[in-house]
PDB file of N, CA and C in Angstrom:
ATOM      1  N   UNK A   1     112.340 111.121 134.363  1.00  0.00           N
ATOM      2  CA  UNK A   1     111.004 111.288 133.494  1.00  0.00           C
ATOM      3  C   UNK A   1     111.446 111.959 132.234  1.00  0.00           C
ATOM      4  N   UNK A   2     111.981 111.095 131.511  1.00  0.00           N
ATOM      5  CA  UNK A   2     112.261 111.844 129.585  1.00  0.00           C
ATOM      6  C   UNK A   2     112.428 110.855 128.722  1.00  0.00           C
ATOM      7  N   UNK A   3     112.394 111.321 127.354  1.00  0.00           N
ATOM      8  CA  UNK A   3     112.569 110.401 126.219  1.00  0.00           C
ATOM      9  C   UNK A   3     114.217 111.146 125.793  1.00  0.00           C
ATOM     10  N   UNK A   4     114.062 109.944 124.912  1.00  0.00           N
ATOM     11  CA  UNK A   4     115.460 110.591 123.757  1.00  0.00           C
ATOM     12  C   UNK A   4     115.084 109.640 122.529  1.00  0.00           C
ATOM     13  N   UNK A   5     115.561 110.539 121.491  1.00  0.00           N
ATOM     14  CA  UNK A   5     115.710 110.166 120.307  1.00  0.00           C
ATOM     15  C   UNK A   5     116.631 109.089 119.763  1.00  0.00           C
ATOM     16  N   UNK A   6     116.512 108.024 118.714  1.00  0.00           N
ATOM     17  CA  UNK A   6     117.759 107.348 118.570  1.00  0.00           C
ATOM     18  C   UNK A   6     118.196 107.648 117.498  1.00  0.00           C
ATOM     19  N   UNK A   7     118.996 107.086 116.790  1.00  0.00           N
ATOM     20  CA  UNK A   7     119.924 107.070 115.727  1.00  0.00           C
ATOM     21  C   UNK A   7     118.740 106.749 114.461  1.00  0.00           C
ATOM     22  N   UNK A   8     118.136 105.807 114.733  1.00  0.00           N
ATOM     23  CA  UNK A   8     116.683 105.859 113.895  1.00  0.00           C
ATOM     24  C   UNK A   8     116.066 106.753 113.180  1.00  0.00           C
ATOM     25  N   UNK A   9     116.449 108.059 113.687  1.00  0.00           N
ATOM     26  CA  UNK A   9     115.822 109.642 113.648  1.00  0.00           C
ATOM     27  C   UNK A   9     115.832 109.711 112.076  1.00  0.00           C
ATOM     28  N   UNK A  10     114.699 109.899 110.945  1.00  0.00           N
ATOM     29  CA  UNK A  10     115.068 110.257 109.486  1.00  0.00           C
ATOM     30  C   UNK A  10     115.048 111.995 109.366  1.00  0.00           C
ATOM     31  N   UNK A  11     114.907 112.470 110.453  1.00  0.00           N
ATOM     32  CA  UNK A  11     115.016 114.248 110.552  1.00  0.00           C
ATOM     33  C   UNK A  11     113.438 114.345 109.783  1.00  0.00           C
ATOM     34  N   UNK A  12     113.127 113.733 110.062  1.00  0.00           N
ATOM     35  CA  UNK A  12     110.625 114.394 109.348  1.00  0.00           C
ATOM     36  C   UNK A  12     110.459 115.640 110.328  1.00  0.00           C
ATOM     37  N   UNK A  13     111.022 116.037 111.626  1.00  0.00           N
ATOM     38  CA  UNK A  13     110.287 117.356 112.035  1.00  0.00           C
ATOM     39  C   UNK A  13     109.176 117.022 112.418  1.00  0.00           C
ATOM     40  N   UNK A  14     108.367 115.965 112.664  1.00  0.00           N
ATOM     41  CA  UNK A  14     107.164 115.708 112.797  1.00  0.00           C
ATOM     42  C   UNK A  14     107.418 115.875 114.358  1.00  0.00           C
ATOM     43  N   UNK A  15     107.964 115.377 115.118  1.00  0.00           N
ATOM     44  CA  UNK A  15     107.949 115.352 116.664  1.00  0.00           C
ATOM     45  C   UNK A  15     108.258 116.927 117.008  1.00  0.00           C
ATOM     46  N   UNK A  16     108.723 117.631 116.825  1.00  0.00           N
ATOM     47  CA  UNK A  16     109.234 118.914 116.521  1.00  0.00           C
ATOM     48  C   UNK A  16     108.148 120.229 117.792  1.00  0.00           C
ATOM     49  N   UNK A  17     107.081 120.296 116.491  1.00  0.00           N
ATOM     50  CA  UNK A  17     106.178 121.224 116.472  1.00  0.00           C
ATOM     51  C   UNK A  17     104.700 120.600 117.607  1.00  0.00           C
ATOM     52  N   UNK A  18     104.703 119.139 118.251  1.00  0.00           N
ATOM     53  CA  UNK A  18     104.148 118.604 118.714  1.00  0.00           C
ATOM     54  C   UNK A  18     103.763 118.917 120.410  1.00  0.00           C
ATOM     55  N   UNK A  19     105.791 118.663 120.856  1.00  0.00           N
ATOM     56  CA  UNK A  19     106.221 118.943 122.202  1.00  0.00           C
ATOM     57  C   UNK A  19     105.442 120.102 122.752  1.00  0.00           C
ATOM     58  N   UNK A  20     105.003 119.893 123.838  1.00  0.00           N
ATOM     59  CA  UNK A  20     104.109 121.135 124.694  1.00  0.00           C
ATOM     60  C   UNK A  20     105.555 121.913 125.872  1.00  0.00           C
ATOM     61  N   UNK A  21     106.722 121.608 125.946  1.00  0.00           N
ATOM     62  CA  UNK A  21     107.547 122.040 126.712  1.00  0.00           C
ATOM     63  C   UNK A  21     108.760 122.791 125.754  1.00  0.00           C
ATOM     64  N   UNK A  22     108.655 122.584 124.202  1.00  0.00           N
ATOM     65  CA  UNK A  22     109.590 123.073 123.080  1.00  0.00           C
ATOM     66  C   UNK A  22     111.138 122.260 123.741  1.00  0.00           C
ATOM     67  N   UNK A  23     110.596 120.984 124.026  1.00  0.00           N
ATOM     68  CA  UNK A  23     112.043 120.160 124.267  1.00  0.00           C
ATOM     69  C   UNK A  23     112.571 119.386 123.167  1.00  0.00           C
ATOM     70  N   UNK A  24     112.129 119.595 122.218  1.00  0.00           N
ATOM     71  CA  UNK A  24     112.614 118.990 121.115  1.00  0.00           C
ATOM     72  C   UNK A  24     113.524 120.067 120.063  1.00  0.00           C
ATOM     73  N   UNK A  25     114.696 120.142 119.699  1.00  0.00           N
ATOM     74  CA  UNK A  25     115.358 121.084 118.624  1.00  0.00           C
ATOM     75  C   UNK A  25     115.957 119.683 117.777  1.00  0.00           C
ATOM     76  N   UNK A  26     116.413 120.554 116.834  1.00  0.00           N
ATOM     77  CA  UNK A  26     117.152 119.981 115.679  1.00  0.00           C
ATOM     78  C   UNK A  26     118.858 120.069 116.209  1.00  0.00           C
ATOM     79  N   UNK A  27     119.192 118.646 116.492  1.00  0.00           N
ATOM     80  CA  UNK A  27     120.922 118.430 116.439  1.00  0.00           C
ATOM     81  C   UNK A  27     122.018 118.277 115.288  1.00  0.00           C
ATOM     82  N   UNK A  28     123.015 117.935 115.538  1.00  0.00           N
ATOM     83  CA  UNK A  28     123.904 118.377 114.447  1.00  0.00           C
ATOM     84  C   UNK A  28     123.280 116.863 113.515  1.00  0.00           C
ATOM     85  N   UNK A  29     122.832 115.860 114.043  1.00  0.00           N
ATOM     86  CA  UNK A  29     122.930 114.676 112.648  1.00  0.00           C
ATOM     87  C   UNK A  29     121.389 114.675 112.808  1.00  0.00           C
ATOM     88  N   UNK A  30     120.757 114.366 114.273  1.00  0.00           N
ATOM     89  CA  UNK A  30     119.053 114.271 114.430  1.00  0.00           C
ATOM     90  C   UNK A  30     118.587 115.008 115.607  1.00  0.00           C
ATOM     91  N   UNK A  31     117.111 115.033 115.666  1.00  0.00           N
ATOM     92  CA  UNK A  31     116.724 115.886 116.367  1.00  0.00           C
ATOM     93  C   UNK A  31     117.351 115.351 117.649  1.00  0.00           C
ATOM     94  N   UNK A  32     116.860 116.349 118.459  1.00  0.00           N
ATOM     95  CA  UNK A  32     117.580 115.796 120.377  1.00  0.00           C
ATOM     96  C   UNK A  32     116.079 116.408 121.361  1.00  0.00           C
ATOM     97  N   UNK A  33     115.771 115.901 122.144  1.00  0.00           N
ATOM     98  CA  UNK A  33     115.324 115.988 123.132  1.00  0.00           C
ATOM     99  C   UNK A  33     115.687 116.860 124.306  1.00  0.00           C
ATOM    100  N   UNK A  34     115.686 117.538 125.232  1.00  0.00           N
ATOM    101  CA  UNK A  34     116.647 118.145 126.665  1.00  0.00           C
ATOM    102  C   UNK A  34     115.954 117.349 127.661  1.00  0.00           C
ATOM    103  N   UNK A  35     116.472 116.236 127.978  1.00  0.00           N
ATOM    104  CA  UNK A  35     115.960 115.774 128.938  1.00  0.00           C
ATOM    105  C   UNK A  35     115.639 116.345 130.501  1.00  0.00           C
ATOM    106  N   UNK A  36     116.358 117.874 130.461  1.00  0.00           N
ATOM    107  CA  UNK A  36     115.884 118.563 131.399  1.00  0.00           C
ATOM    108  C   UNK A  36     114.691 119.259 131.468  1.00  0.00           C
ATOM    109  N   UNK A  37     113.883 119.756 130.237  1.00  0.00           N
ATOM    110  CA  UNK A  37     112.273 119.956 130.017  1.00  0.00           C
ATOM    111  C   UNK A  37     111.365 119.154 129.951  1.00  0.00           C
ATOM    112  N   UNK A  38     111.772 117.585 129.230  1.00  0.00           N
ATOM    113  CA  UNK A  38     110.873 116.806 129.094  1.00  0.00           C
ATOM    114  C   UNK A  38     110.163 116.511 130.250  1.00  0.00           C
ATOM    115  N   UNK A  39     108.668 116.458 129.560  1.00  0.00           N
ATOM    116  CA  UNK A  39     108.142 115.678 131.034  1.00  0.00           C
ATOM    117  C   UNK A  39     107.404 114.631 130.438  1.00  0.00           C
ATOM    118  N   UNK A  40     107.647 114.245 129.325  1.00  0.00           N
ATOM    119  CA  UNK A  40     106.793 112.934 128.827  1.00  0.00           C
ATOM    120  C   UNK A  40     105.278 113.003 128.554  1.00  0.00           C
ATOM    121  N   UNK A  41     104.760 114.592 128.121  1.00  0.00           N
ATOM    122  CA  UNK A  41     103.668 115.119 127.917  1.00  0.00           C
ATOM    123  C   UNK A  41     102.692 115.409 129.476  1.00  0.00           C
ATOM    124  N   UNK A  42     103.121 114.610 130.493  1.00  0.00           N
ATOM    125  CA  UNK A  42     102.606 114.646 132.067  1.00  0.00           C
ATOM    126  C   UNK A  42     101.855 116.143 132.014  1.00  0.00           C
ATOM    127  N   UNK A  43     100.654 116.134 132.086  1.00  0.00           N
ATOM    128  CA  UNK A  43      99.889 117.201 132.560  1.00  0.00           C
ATOM    129  C   UNK A  43      99.269 117.971 131.532  1.00  0.00           C
ATOM    130  N   UNK A  44      99.800 117.547 130.163  1.00  0.00           N
ATOM    131  CA  UNK A  44      99.240 117.822 128.836  1.00  0.00           C
ATOM    132  C   UNK A  44      98.635 116.697 128.339  1.00  0.00           C
ATOM    133  N   UNK A  45      98.912 115.767 127.927  1.00  0.00           N
ATOM    134  CA  UNK A  45      98.260 114.691 127.309  1.00  0.00           C
ATOM    135  C   UNK A  45      98.665 113.778 127.634  1.00  0.00           C
ATOM    136  N   UNK A  46      97.930 112.640 127.299  1.00  0.00           N
ATOM    137  CA  UNK A  46      97.478 111.258 128.059  1.00  0.00           C
ATOM    138  C   UNK A  46      99.310 110.284 127.469  1.00  0.00           C
ATOM    139  N   UNK A  47      99.489 110.894 126.250  1.00  0.00           N
ATOM    140  CA  UNK A  47     100.882 110.169 126.048  1.00  0.00           C
ATOM    141  C   UNK A  47     101.768 111.239 125.288  1.00  0.00           C
ATOM    142  N   UNK A  48     102.960 110.438 125.195  1.00  0.00           N
ATOM    143  CA  UNK A  48     103.880 111.950 124.539  1.00  0.00           C
ATOM    144  C   UNK A  48     103.360 111.534 123.384  1.00  0.00           C
ATOM    145  N   UNK A  49     103.216 112.726 122.651  1.00  0.00           N
ATOM    146  CA  UNK A  49     102.820 113.003 121.519  1.00  0.00           C
ATOM    147  C   UNK A  49     104.356 113.187 120.330  1.00  0.00           C
ATOM    148  N   UNK A  50     105.250 113.454 120.744  1.00  0.00           N
ATOM    149  CA  UNK A  50     106.120 113.169 119.876  1.00  0.00           C
ATOM    150  C   UNK A  50     106.191 111.395 119.592  1.00  0.00           C
ATOM    151  N   UNK A  51     106.108 110.302 120.471  1.00  0.00           N
ATOM    152  CA  UNK A  51     105.846 108.624 120.215  1.00  0.00           C
ATOM    153  C   UNK A  51     104.757 108.702 119.140  1.00  0.00           C
ATOM    154  N   UNK A  52     103.612 109.451 119.086  1.00  0.00           N
ATOM    155  CA  UNK A  52     102.922 109.129 118.395  1.00  0.00           C
ATOM    156  C   UNK A  52     102.215 109.633 117.045  1.00  0.00           C
ATOM    157  N   UNK A  53     103.463 110.837 117.082  1.00  0.00           N
ATOM    158  CA  UNK A  53     103.709 110.912 115.615  1.00  0.00           C
ATOM    159  C   UNK A  53     104.996 110.730 115.024  1.00  0.00           C
ATOM    160  N   UNK A  54     105.723 110.380 115.427  1.00  0.00           N
ATOM    161  CA  UNK A  54     106.933 109.669 114.987  1.00  0.00           C
ATOM    162  C   UNK A  54     106.459 108.450 114.434  1.00  0.00           C
ATOM    163  N   UNK A  55     106.806 108.820 112.663  1.00  0.00           N
ATOM    164  CA  UNK A  55     106.691 107.682 111.873  1.00  0.00           C
ATOM    165  C   UNK A  55     107.588 106.244 111.659  1.00  0.00           C
ATOM    166  N   UNK A  56     108.885 106.492 112.144  1.00  0.00           N
ATOM    167  CA  UNK A  56     109.861 105.266 112.317  1.00  0.00           C
ATOM    168  C   UNK A  56     109.998 104.867 113.899  1.00  0.00           C
ATOM    169  N   UNK A  57     109.068 104.949 114.960  1.00  0.00           N
ATOM    170  CA  UNK A  57     109.040 104.731 116.531  1.00  0.00           C
ATOM    171  C   UNK A  57     110.650 104.690 116.912  1.00  0.00           C
ATOM    172  N   UNK A  58     111.568 105.656 116.725  1.00  0.00           N
ATOM    173  CA  UNK A  58     112.721 106.424 117.534  1.00  0.00           C
ATOM    174  C   UNK A  58     113.017 106.503 118.554  1.00  0.00           C
ATOM    175  N   UNK A  59     111.590 107.311 119.479  1.00  0.00           N
ATOM    176  CA  UNK A  59     111.504 108.007 120.545  1.00  0.00           C
ATOM    177  C   UNK A  59     111.778 107.117 121.618  1.00  0.00           C
ATOM    178  N   UNK A  60     112.620 107.002 122.705  1.00  0.00           N
ATOM    179  CA  UNK A  60     112.313 106.164 123.255  1.00  0.00           C
ATOM    180  C   UNK A  60     112.374 106.741 125.057  1.00  0.00           C
ATOM    181  N   UNK A  61     112.523 105.934 126.411  1.00  0.00           N
ATOM    182  CA  UNK A  61     113.175 106.104 127.553  1.00  0.00           C
ATOM    183  C   UNK A  61     114.186 106.626 127.427  1.00  0.00           C
ATOM    184  N   UNK A  62     114.408 107.308 128.051  1.00  0.00           N
ATOM    185  CA  UNK A  62     115.823 108.083 128.364  1.00  0.00           C
ATOM    186  C   UNK A  62     116.575 107.360 129.008  1.00  0.00           C
TER     187      UNK A  62
END
């Protein structure tokens, strides 16, 4: 259970501060999600907050 950010990422950084487990960080070209710590916001929110704020809908199941 984890998410990933696709190449459509525009590096807006909207997702990074929304992650309750600090699983999102700036990668070499686009933001990345650490699959080892991503819980898709289960136990924190009703839906993944990174997906809610992403303006280009580039966050998908890993």
